[in-house]
N, C-alpha and C. Protein backbone atom coordinates (compact mmCIF):
# COMPACT_ATOMS: atom_id res chain seq x y z
N MET A 1 11.39 -4.83 187.21
CA MET A 1 10.95 -3.46 186.93
C MET A 1 11.92 -2.49 187.62
N ALA A 2 12.34 -1.48 186.89
CA ALA A 2 13.29 -0.50 187.43
C ALA A 2 12.64 0.35 188.53
N GLN A 3 13.46 0.73 189.47
CA GLN A 3 13.03 1.56 190.59
C GLN A 3 13.15 3.02 190.17
N GLU A 4 12.14 3.85 190.51
CA GLU A 4 12.21 5.27 190.18
C GLU A 4 13.18 5.95 191.14
N GLN A 5 14.14 6.69 190.56
CA GLN A 5 15.16 7.36 191.38
C GLN A 5 15.21 8.84 191.02
N GLY A 6 15.28 9.67 192.05
CA GLY A 6 15.35 11.11 191.85
C GLY A 6 16.69 11.53 191.28
N ILE A 7 16.67 12.50 190.37
CA ILE A 7 17.89 13.03 189.77
C ILE A 7 18.06 14.50 190.14
N ALA A 8 16.97 15.26 190.02
CA ALA A 8 17.07 16.70 190.29
C ALA A 8 15.74 17.25 190.76
N LYS A 9 15.83 18.31 191.55
CA LYS A 9 14.64 19.04 192.02
C LYS A 9 14.94 20.51 191.80
N VAL A 10 14.09 21.19 191.03
CA VAL A 10 14.31 22.60 190.74
C VAL A 10 13.01 23.39 190.90
N ASP A 11 13.17 24.65 191.31
CA ASP A 11 12.04 25.57 191.36
C ASP A 11 12.04 26.33 190.04
N LEU A 12 10.92 26.32 189.37
CA LEU A 12 10.81 27.07 188.13
C LEU A 12 9.35 27.36 187.81
N SER A 13 9.14 28.02 186.70
CA SER A 13 7.78 28.29 186.23
C SER A 13 7.53 27.41 185.03
N TYR A 14 6.28 27.00 184.85
CA TYR A 14 5.99 26.11 183.74
C TYR A 14 4.54 26.25 183.30
N ILE A 15 4.31 25.83 182.06
CA ILE A 15 2.96 25.62 181.55
C ILE A 15 2.94 24.15 181.15
N TYR A 16 2.16 23.35 181.87
CA TYR A 16 2.13 21.91 181.67
C TYR A 16 1.61 21.54 180.28
N LYS A 17 0.52 22.17 179.87
CA LYS A 17 -0.03 21.94 178.52
C LYS A 17 -0.20 23.30 177.86
N ALA A 18 0.80 23.69 177.08
CA ALA A 18 0.77 25.00 176.43
C ALA A 18 -0.15 24.96 175.21
N VAL A 19 -0.98 25.99 175.09
CA VAL A 19 -1.83 26.12 173.91
C VAL A 19 -1.06 26.98 172.92
N MET A 20 -0.67 26.34 171.79
CA MET A 20 0.16 27.03 170.80
C MET A 20 -0.41 26.83 169.41
N MET A 21 -0.16 27.81 168.58
CA MET A 21 -0.47 27.67 167.17
C MET A 21 0.71 28.25 166.43
N GLY A 22 1.40 27.40 165.66
CA GLY A 22 2.63 27.85 165.00
C GLY A 22 3.65 28.27 166.04
N ASN A 23 4.15 29.49 165.92
CA ASN A 23 5.14 30.01 166.87
C ASN A 23 4.51 30.88 167.95
N SER A 24 3.18 30.94 167.99
CA SER A 24 2.50 31.80 168.95
C SER A 24 1.99 31.01 170.14
N LEU A 25 2.14 31.59 171.30
CA LEU A 25 1.69 30.98 172.54
C LEU A 25 0.40 31.67 172.97
N TYR A 26 -0.67 30.87 173.15
CA TYR A 26 -1.95 31.42 173.56
C TYR A 26 -2.20 31.22 175.05
N SER A 27 -1.35 30.44 175.71
CA SER A 27 -1.49 30.21 177.15
C SER A 27 -0.77 31.33 177.91
N ASP A 28 -1.32 31.72 179.04
CA ASP A 28 -0.58 32.62 179.92
C ASP A 28 -0.72 32.14 181.36
N ASN A 29 -1.00 30.85 181.51
CA ASN A 29 -1.22 30.26 182.83
C ASN A 29 0.09 29.65 183.38
N TRP A 30 1.12 30.51 183.51
CA TRP A 30 2.39 30.04 184.07
C TRP A 30 2.17 29.67 185.53
N GLU A 31 2.67 28.54 185.94
CA GLU A 31 2.61 28.10 187.34
C GLU A 31 4.01 28.19 187.91
N LYS A 32 4.13 28.67 189.13
CA LYS A 32 5.42 28.61 189.83
C LYS A 32 5.37 27.36 190.67
N GLY A 33 6.39 26.52 190.56
CA GLY A 33 6.34 25.29 191.32
C GLY A 33 7.66 24.56 191.33
N VAL A 34 7.57 23.31 191.74
CA VAL A 34 8.74 22.44 191.83
C VAL A 34 8.66 21.42 190.71
N LEU A 35 9.79 21.18 190.07
CA LEU A 35 9.89 20.13 189.07
C LEU A 35 10.86 19.09 189.62
N TYR A 36 10.40 17.85 189.70
CA TYR A 36 11.28 16.74 190.06
C TYR A 36 11.58 15.97 188.80
N LEU A 37 12.86 15.72 188.55
CA LEU A 37 13.27 14.88 187.44
C LEU A 37 13.74 13.56 188.03
N THR A 38 13.13 12.47 187.58
CA THR A 38 13.58 11.14 188.01
C THR A 38 14.07 10.40 186.77
N ASN A 39 14.53 9.19 186.96
CA ASN A 39 14.99 8.39 185.82
C ASN A 39 13.81 7.92 184.96
N MET A 40 12.55 8.14 185.42
CA MET A 40 11.39 7.67 184.67
C MET A 40 10.37 8.76 184.32
N ASN A 41 10.28 9.81 185.13
CA ASN A 41 9.23 10.81 184.97
C ASN A 41 9.72 12.22 185.24
N LEU A 42 8.92 13.18 184.76
CA LEU A 42 9.02 14.57 185.18
C LEU A 42 7.79 14.81 186.04
N TRP A 43 7.99 15.27 187.27
CA TRP A 43 6.89 15.53 188.19
C TRP A 43 6.75 17.03 188.37
N PHE A 44 5.54 17.55 188.16
CA PHE A 44 5.25 18.97 188.32
C PHE A 44 4.33 19.15 189.52
N SER A 45 4.72 20.01 190.48
CA SER A 45 3.83 20.26 191.62
C SER A 45 2.65 21.09 191.12
N GLU A 46 1.45 20.70 191.52
CA GLU A 46 0.24 21.39 191.06
C GLU A 46 -0.73 21.44 192.22
N GLY A 47 -0.89 22.63 192.82
CA GLY A 47 -1.76 22.74 193.99
C GLY A 47 -1.27 21.77 195.06
N GLY A 48 -2.13 20.86 195.49
CA GLY A 48 -1.72 19.88 196.49
C GLY A 48 -1.26 18.57 195.90
N GLY A 49 -1.28 18.46 194.57
CA GLY A 49 -0.93 17.19 193.93
C GLY A 49 0.21 17.31 192.94
N TRP A 50 0.27 16.33 192.05
CA TRP A 50 1.36 16.27 191.08
C TRP A 50 0.84 15.91 189.70
N LEU A 51 1.45 16.48 188.69
CA LEU A 51 1.22 16.11 187.30
C LEU A 51 2.50 15.45 186.83
N THR A 52 2.40 14.43 185.99
CA THR A 52 3.62 13.77 185.52
C THR A 52 3.65 13.67 184.00
N ILE A 53 4.85 13.69 183.49
CA ILE A 53 5.10 13.37 182.08
C ILE A 53 6.12 12.23 182.11
N PRO A 54 5.72 11.02 181.71
CA PRO A 54 6.70 9.93 181.64
C PRO A 54 7.77 10.27 180.60
N LEU A 55 9.03 10.05 180.93
CA LEU A 55 10.12 10.39 180.01
C LEU A 55 9.97 9.65 178.69
N LYS A 56 9.42 8.43 178.73
CA LYS A 56 9.28 7.66 177.49
C LYS A 56 8.25 8.28 176.54
N SER A 57 7.39 9.19 177.05
CA SER A 57 6.42 9.84 176.17
C SER A 57 6.92 11.18 175.62
N VAL A 58 8.13 11.60 176.04
CA VAL A 58 8.71 12.85 175.52
C VAL A 58 9.25 12.58 174.12
N THR A 59 8.80 13.38 173.15
CA THR A 59 9.22 13.17 171.76
C THR A 59 10.34 14.11 171.33
N MET A 60 10.44 15.28 171.97
CA MET A 60 11.52 16.20 171.63
C MET A 60 11.81 17.14 172.80
N VAL A 61 13.10 17.37 173.01
CA VAL A 61 13.53 18.27 174.08
C VAL A 61 14.27 19.44 173.43
N GLY A 62 13.84 20.65 173.75
CA GLY A 62 14.60 21.82 173.31
C GLY A 62 14.30 22.31 171.91
N ARG A 63 13.07 22.12 171.45
CA ARG A 63 12.70 22.68 170.15
C ARG A 63 12.93 24.18 170.23
N GLU A 64 13.28 24.79 169.10
CA GLU A 64 13.58 26.23 169.08
C GLU A 64 12.39 27.05 169.59
N VAL A 65 12.67 27.93 170.54
CA VAL A 65 11.63 28.78 171.12
C VAL A 65 11.59 30.08 170.32
N SER A 66 10.42 30.45 169.84
CA SER A 66 10.29 31.66 169.01
C SER A 66 10.42 32.93 169.87
N ASP A 67 10.77 34.03 169.20
CA ASP A 67 10.92 35.31 169.89
C ASP A 67 9.63 35.76 170.59
N PRO A 68 8.44 35.59 169.95
CA PRO A 68 7.22 36.00 170.67
C PRO A 68 7.01 35.23 171.99
N ILE A 69 7.37 33.96 172.01
CA ILE A 69 7.23 33.17 173.24
C ILE A 69 8.23 33.66 174.29
N ARG A 70 9.48 33.93 173.85
CA ARG A 70 10.48 34.47 174.78
C ARG A 70 10.01 35.80 175.37
N ALA A 71 9.45 36.65 174.51
CA ALA A 71 8.99 37.97 174.96
C ALA A 71 7.83 37.82 175.96
N LYS A 72 6.92 36.90 175.69
CA LYS A 72 5.79 36.67 176.58
C LYS A 72 6.28 36.17 177.95
N SER A 73 7.26 35.27 177.92
CA SER A 73 7.85 34.74 179.15
C SER A 73 8.56 35.85 179.92
N GLN A 74 9.29 36.71 179.20
CA GLN A 74 10.02 37.81 179.83
C GLN A 74 9.04 38.75 180.53
N ARG A 75 7.93 39.07 179.86
CA ARG A 75 6.92 39.96 180.45
C ARG A 75 6.27 39.32 181.68
N ALA A 76 5.91 38.04 181.57
CA ALA A 76 5.16 37.39 182.65
C ALA A 76 6.05 36.99 183.82
N LEU A 77 7.29 36.56 183.53
CA LEU A 77 8.13 35.96 184.57
C LEU A 77 9.45 36.66 184.83
N GLY A 78 9.85 37.55 183.91
CA GLY A 78 11.14 38.21 184.07
C GLY A 78 12.30 37.38 183.57
N THR A 79 12.03 36.32 182.80
CA THR A 79 13.10 35.52 182.19
C THR A 79 12.69 35.12 180.79
N SER A 80 13.67 35.11 179.88
CA SER A 80 13.38 34.67 178.52
C SER A 80 13.97 33.28 178.27
N HIS A 81 14.45 32.64 179.33
CA HIS A 81 15.05 31.30 179.19
C HIS A 81 13.95 30.25 179.33
N VAL A 82 13.57 29.68 178.18
CA VAL A 82 12.45 28.75 178.12
C VAL A 82 12.91 27.46 177.45
N LEU A 83 12.50 26.33 178.02
CA LEU A 83 12.78 25.03 177.42
C LEU A 83 11.45 24.43 176.98
N MET A 84 11.39 24.00 175.72
CA MET A 84 10.17 23.37 175.18
C MET A 84 10.31 21.86 175.23
N LEU A 85 9.27 21.21 175.76
CA LEU A 85 9.22 19.74 175.77
C LEU A 85 7.99 19.31 174.99
N ASP A 86 8.19 18.56 173.94
CA ASP A 86 7.06 17.99 173.21
C ASP A 86 6.86 16.57 173.72
N TYR A 87 5.62 16.21 174.00
CA TYR A 87 5.34 14.87 174.53
C TYR A 87 3.99 14.37 174.05
N LEU A 88 3.75 13.09 174.24
CA LEU A 88 2.47 12.49 173.89
C LEU A 88 1.68 12.25 175.17
N GLN A 89 0.39 12.56 175.13
CA GLN A 89 -0.48 12.35 176.28
C GLN A 89 -1.69 11.55 175.80
N ALA A 90 -2.44 11.02 176.73
CA ALA A 90 -3.65 10.28 176.37
C ALA A 90 -4.63 11.25 175.71
N SER A 91 -5.20 10.84 174.61
CA SER A 91 -6.16 11.68 173.90
C SER A 91 -7.45 11.83 174.69
N SER A 92 -7.98 13.05 174.69
CA SER A 92 -9.26 13.27 175.37
C SER A 92 -10.42 13.02 174.41
N VAL A 93 -10.11 12.75 173.14
CA VAL A 93 -11.14 12.55 172.13
C VAL A 93 -11.31 11.06 171.79
N VAL A 94 -10.19 10.39 171.52
CA VAL A 94 -10.24 8.99 171.10
C VAL A 94 -9.65 8.11 172.18
N GLU A 95 -10.44 7.19 172.70
CA GLU A 95 -9.98 6.31 173.77
C GLU A 95 -8.83 5.44 173.28
N GLY A 96 -7.78 5.34 174.08
CA GLY A 96 -6.62 4.51 173.75
C GLY A 96 -5.63 5.16 172.79
N ALA A 97 -5.93 6.36 172.30
CA ALA A 97 -5.03 7.05 171.38
C ALA A 97 -4.21 8.09 172.14
N THR A 98 -3.18 8.60 171.48
CA THR A 98 -2.37 9.66 172.10
C THR A 98 -2.49 10.92 171.27
N ALA A 99 -2.21 12.05 171.90
CA ALA A 99 -2.24 13.35 171.23
C ALA A 99 -0.97 14.10 171.62
N PRO A 100 -0.42 14.89 170.68
CA PRO A 100 0.78 15.66 171.02
C PRO A 100 0.45 16.81 171.97
N ALA A 101 1.38 17.13 172.84
CA ALA A 101 1.25 18.25 173.77
C ALA A 101 2.63 18.88 173.94
N THR A 102 2.63 20.10 174.44
CA THR A 102 3.89 20.82 174.66
C THR A 102 3.88 21.41 176.06
N ALA A 103 4.98 21.20 176.77
CA ALA A 103 5.18 21.84 178.08
C ALA A 103 6.28 22.88 177.91
N LEU A 104 6.13 24.00 178.59
CA LEU A 104 7.16 25.05 178.58
C LEU A 104 7.70 25.19 179.99
N LEU A 105 9.02 25.16 180.12
CA LEU A 105 9.68 25.33 181.41
C LEU A 105 10.49 26.62 181.31
N ALA A 106 10.33 27.50 182.29
CA ALA A 106 11.05 28.78 182.26
C ALA A 106 11.74 29.00 183.60
N GLY A 107 12.92 29.58 183.54
CA GLY A 107 13.65 29.87 184.76
C GLY A 107 15.03 30.40 184.48
N ASN A 108 15.87 30.28 185.47
CA ASN A 108 17.26 30.69 185.42
C ASN A 108 17.96 29.99 184.24
N GLU A 109 18.81 30.70 183.52
CA GLU A 109 19.48 30.16 182.33
C GLU A 109 20.25 28.88 182.65
N ALA A 110 20.99 28.86 183.75
CA ALA A 110 21.79 27.68 184.11
C ALA A 110 20.89 26.47 184.37
N VAL A 111 19.76 26.68 185.05
CA VAL A 111 18.83 25.59 185.35
C VAL A 111 18.23 25.03 184.06
N ILE A 112 17.80 25.92 183.17
CA ILE A 112 17.19 25.50 181.90
C ILE A 112 18.20 24.73 181.05
N ASN A 113 19.44 25.24 180.95
CA ASN A 113 20.47 24.56 180.15
C ASN A 113 20.84 23.20 180.75
N THR A 114 20.89 23.12 182.08
CA THR A 114 21.21 21.85 182.74
C THR A 114 20.09 20.84 182.52
N LEU A 115 18.84 21.28 182.67
CA LEU A 115 17.70 20.38 182.41
C LEU A 115 17.74 19.85 180.99
N LYS A 116 18.00 20.74 180.03
CA LYS A 116 18.07 20.33 178.62
C LYS A 116 19.18 19.29 178.42
N ALA A 117 20.34 19.55 179.04
CA ALA A 117 21.47 18.62 178.90
C ALA A 117 21.16 17.25 179.51
N TYR A 118 20.41 17.22 180.62
CA TYR A 118 20.01 15.96 181.25
C TYR A 118 18.97 15.24 180.41
N LEU A 119 17.95 16.00 179.97
CA LEU A 119 16.79 15.38 179.33
C LEU A 119 17.06 14.87 177.91
N GLN A 120 17.89 15.56 177.13
CA GLN A 120 18.10 15.14 175.75
C GLN A 120 18.58 13.68 175.65
N PRO A 121 19.64 13.29 176.35
CA PRO A 121 20.05 11.89 176.22
C PRO A 121 19.05 10.91 176.87
N MET A 122 18.39 11.34 177.95
CA MET A 122 17.44 10.45 178.66
C MET A 122 16.21 10.17 177.82
N CYS A 123 15.80 11.14 177.01
CA CYS A 123 14.58 11.00 176.23
C CYS A 123 14.87 10.57 174.80
N GLY A 124 16.11 10.20 174.55
CA GLY A 124 16.46 9.71 173.22
C GLY A 124 16.42 10.79 172.16
N THR A 125 16.59 12.05 172.55
CA THR A 125 16.64 13.14 171.58
C THR A 125 18.10 13.52 171.43
N PRO A 126 18.77 13.03 170.40
CA PRO A 126 20.18 13.37 170.27
C PRO A 126 20.35 14.87 170.04
N PRO A 127 21.31 15.50 170.71
CA PRO A 127 21.50 16.94 170.58
C PRO A 127 21.67 17.39 169.13
N LYS A 128 22.32 16.59 168.26
CA LYS A 128 22.54 17.00 166.87
C LYS A 128 21.22 17.11 166.12
N LYS A 129 20.26 16.24 166.42
CA LYS A 129 18.94 16.28 165.80
C LYS A 129 18.26 17.62 166.08
N GLN A 130 18.54 18.17 167.25
CA GLN A 130 17.90 19.40 167.70
C GLN A 130 18.44 20.63 167.00
N SER A 131 19.61 20.50 166.35
CA SER A 131 20.32 21.70 165.93
C SER A 131 19.71 22.39 164.72
N LEU A 132 18.73 21.81 164.04
CA LEU A 132 18.13 22.49 162.90
C LEU A 132 17.06 23.47 163.37
N SER A 133 17.31 24.74 163.10
CA SER A 133 16.33 25.77 163.46
C SER A 133 15.23 25.78 162.40
N ASP A 134 14.20 26.57 162.63
CA ASP A 134 13.13 26.71 161.63
C ASP A 134 13.69 27.25 160.32
N ILE A 135 14.64 28.17 160.41
CA ILE A 135 15.25 28.74 159.20
C ILE A 135 16.04 27.66 158.47
N ASP A 136 16.80 26.83 159.22
CA ASP A 136 17.54 25.73 158.60
C ASP A 136 16.60 24.79 157.85
N LYS A 137 15.46 24.50 158.48
CA LYS A 137 14.49 23.59 157.86
C LYS A 137 13.90 24.20 156.59
N LYS A 138 13.60 25.51 156.63
CA LYS A 138 13.07 26.18 155.44
C LYS A 138 14.10 26.15 154.32
N LEU A 139 15.37 26.44 154.66
CA LEU A 139 16.44 26.42 153.66
C LEU A 139 16.61 25.02 153.09
N LEU A 140 16.58 24.02 153.95
CA LEU A 140 16.71 22.63 153.51
C LEU A 140 15.60 22.30 152.51
N TYR A 141 14.39 22.72 152.83
CA TYR A 141 13.25 22.47 151.94
C TYR A 141 13.44 23.19 150.60
N MET A 142 13.88 24.45 150.65
CA MET A 142 14.08 25.21 149.41
C MET A 142 15.16 24.55 148.54
N LEU A 143 16.24 24.10 149.17
CA LEU A 143 17.29 23.40 148.42
C LEU A 143 16.74 22.11 147.83
N PHE A 144 15.89 21.43 148.57
CA PHE A 144 15.26 20.19 148.11
C PHE A 144 14.41 20.44 146.86
N THR A 145 13.71 21.59 146.82
CA THR A 145 12.86 21.90 145.67
C THR A 145 13.66 22.48 144.50
N GLY A 146 14.98 22.65 144.70
CA GLY A 146 15.83 23.11 143.61
C GLY A 146 16.13 24.60 143.62
N VAL A 147 15.59 25.34 144.57
CA VAL A 147 15.86 26.79 144.64
C VAL A 147 17.20 26.97 145.35
N ASN A 148 18.19 27.53 144.64
CA ASN A 148 19.48 27.77 145.31
C ASN A 148 20.06 29.14 144.95
N ASP A 149 19.25 29.99 144.33
CA ASP A 149 19.65 31.35 144.03
C ASP A 149 19.54 32.18 145.32
N LEU A 150 20.62 32.87 145.67
CA LEU A 150 20.69 33.61 146.94
C LEU A 150 19.55 34.62 147.10
N GLN A 151 19.27 35.41 146.07
CA GLN A 151 18.20 36.42 146.18
C GLN A 151 16.83 35.77 146.39
N LYS A 152 16.57 34.69 145.66
CA LYS A 152 15.28 34.00 145.82
C LYS A 152 15.17 33.41 147.21
N LEU A 153 16.27 32.83 147.70
CA LEU A 153 16.25 32.21 149.03
C LEU A 153 15.98 33.25 150.12
N THR A 154 16.66 34.40 150.05
CA THR A 154 16.43 35.43 151.08
C THR A 154 14.99 35.92 151.03
N PHE A 155 14.42 36.01 149.81
CA PHE A 155 13.03 36.44 149.67
C PHE A 155 12.07 35.38 150.23
N PHE A 156 12.21 34.13 149.79
CA PHE A 156 11.29 33.07 150.19
C PHE A 156 11.36 32.76 151.69
N ILE A 157 12.58 32.77 152.23
CA ILE A 157 12.74 32.41 153.64
C ILE A 157 12.51 33.63 154.53
N GLY A 158 12.71 34.82 153.98
CA GLY A 158 12.43 36.04 154.73
C GLY A 158 13.52 36.40 155.73
N VAL A 159 14.77 36.18 155.34
CA VAL A 159 15.90 36.51 156.22
C VAL A 159 16.95 37.28 155.42
N ASP A 160 17.90 37.88 156.16
CA ASP A 160 18.99 38.59 155.48
C ASP A 160 20.09 37.61 155.06
N ASN A 161 21.06 38.12 154.28
CA ASN A 161 22.14 37.28 153.74
C ASN A 161 22.97 36.61 154.84
N ASP A 162 23.26 37.35 155.93
CA ASP A 162 24.08 36.79 157.00
C ASP A 162 23.39 35.60 157.68
N THR A 163 22.08 35.76 157.95
CA THR A 163 21.32 34.68 158.58
C THR A 163 21.27 33.48 157.66
N LEU A 164 21.08 33.74 156.37
CA LEU A 164 21.03 32.66 155.38
C LEU A 164 22.38 31.94 155.30
N ALA A 165 23.47 32.70 155.32
CA ALA A 165 24.81 32.11 155.27
C ALA A 165 25.06 31.24 156.50
N ALA A 166 24.63 31.71 157.67
CA ALA A 166 24.80 30.93 158.91
C ALA A 166 23.97 29.64 158.85
N SER A 167 22.77 29.74 158.30
CA SER A 167 21.90 28.56 158.17
C SER A 167 22.52 27.56 157.19
N PHE A 168 23.06 28.05 156.09
CA PHE A 168 23.70 27.18 155.10
C PHE A 168 24.90 26.46 155.73
N LYS A 169 25.65 27.21 156.55
CA LYS A 169 26.79 26.62 157.26
C LYS A 169 26.32 25.51 158.21
N ASN A 170 25.20 25.75 158.94
CA ASN A 170 24.64 24.73 159.83
C ASN A 170 24.29 23.47 159.06
N LEU A 171 23.65 23.63 157.89
CA LEU A 171 23.25 22.47 157.08
C LEU A 171 24.48 21.69 156.60
N ARG A 172 25.51 22.43 156.19
CA ARG A 172 26.75 21.74 155.74
C ARG A 172 27.40 21.00 156.90
N GLU A 173 27.48 21.65 158.08
CA GLU A 173 28.10 21.01 159.25
C GLU A 173 27.31 19.79 159.72
N ALA A 174 25.99 19.82 159.52
CA ALA A 174 25.14 18.68 159.91
C ALA A 174 25.10 17.63 158.79
N ASN A 175 25.93 17.84 157.75
CA ASN A 175 26.04 16.92 156.62
C ASN A 175 24.69 16.75 155.90
N MET A 176 23.93 17.85 155.79
CA MET A 176 22.64 17.81 155.10
C MET A 176 22.77 18.19 153.62
N CYS A 177 23.81 19.00 153.31
CA CYS A 177 24.01 19.40 151.91
C CYS A 177 25.51 19.61 151.66
N ASP A 178 25.87 19.66 150.36
CA ASP A 178 27.27 19.94 150.03
C ASP A 178 27.43 21.44 149.79
N THR A 179 28.63 21.86 149.41
CA THR A 179 28.91 23.30 149.27
C THR A 179 28.12 23.94 148.13
N SER A 180 27.65 23.13 147.16
CA SER A 180 26.86 23.69 146.05
C SER A 180 25.37 23.73 146.37
N GLY A 181 24.98 23.22 147.57
CA GLY A 181 23.57 23.25 147.96
C GLY A 181 22.79 22.01 147.59
N ARG A 182 23.49 20.97 147.05
CA ARG A 182 22.81 19.71 146.76
C ARG A 182 22.66 18.92 148.05
N LEU A 183 21.48 18.34 148.26
CA LEU A 183 21.23 17.58 149.48
C LEU A 183 22.02 16.28 149.48
N THR A 184 22.56 15.95 150.65
CA THR A 184 23.24 14.67 150.84
C THR A 184 22.17 13.62 151.18
N GLU A 185 22.61 12.38 151.36
CA GLU A 185 21.68 11.32 151.76
C GLU A 185 21.03 11.69 153.10
N GLN A 186 21.83 12.25 154.01
CA GLN A 186 21.34 12.68 155.32
C GLN A 186 20.29 13.78 155.16
N GLY A 187 20.53 14.71 154.24
CA GLY A 187 19.58 15.79 153.98
C GLY A 187 18.26 15.27 153.41
N GLN A 188 18.37 14.30 152.49
CA GLN A 188 17.17 13.67 151.91
C GLN A 188 16.35 12.99 153.00
N LYS A 189 17.06 12.30 153.91
CA LYS A 189 16.40 11.58 155.01
C LYS A 189 15.67 12.58 155.92
N GLN A 190 16.35 13.72 156.21
CA GLN A 190 15.76 14.75 157.07
C GLN A 190 14.50 15.32 156.43
N ILE A 191 14.52 15.57 155.12
CA ILE A 191 13.34 16.10 154.40
C ILE A 191 12.18 15.11 154.53
N LYS A 192 12.46 13.82 154.36
CA LYS A 192 11.40 12.81 154.46
C LYS A 192 10.78 12.82 155.87
N GLU A 193 11.60 13.00 156.91
CA GLU A 193 11.10 13.06 158.28
C GLU A 193 10.24 14.29 158.50
N MET A 194 10.59 15.41 157.82
CA MET A 194 9.86 16.67 157.99
C MET A 194 8.51 16.65 157.29
N MET A 195 8.38 15.83 156.24
CA MET A 195 7.13 15.84 155.44
C MET A 195 6.08 14.91 155.97
């Protein structure tokens, strides 16, 4: 059995179990505390004890943080630098089952970026997988359904032409579609994962 070894200790603010619906954050219980990162767990100081998230239960590191969440963090903590961690926890409803949960970590930009850089490879979340924003995913879906008219896309996705062009460029660079907007094998695979 591997020995638990410390990697980093940082002071930051966090919400261990964020209550979210879509892109909206309903929690405002930010805790100021210490986060210990080890080769096996994330340890959060809580009162006189500790809360842990085993790294093997982390499903995604660095999901795109919406503007309303950044604004809420800025108002509450004075920083808009937030890292989202999606993880599985023991279900409180069904014994032996797991339920998805989200932790939010907020702090200094350098600390948040360093944590993200450490956690992504440790938790098996390849950085390239993370690069699809919500807009990229919407565009990918629209291309999948056959919609590739620029005016229809800007209307359906709700963005301007420049944002749409940048998203299209991201999809091409991630090898999700070709220059005509047809999905590649990689794009088809990504759609199946999203559905």
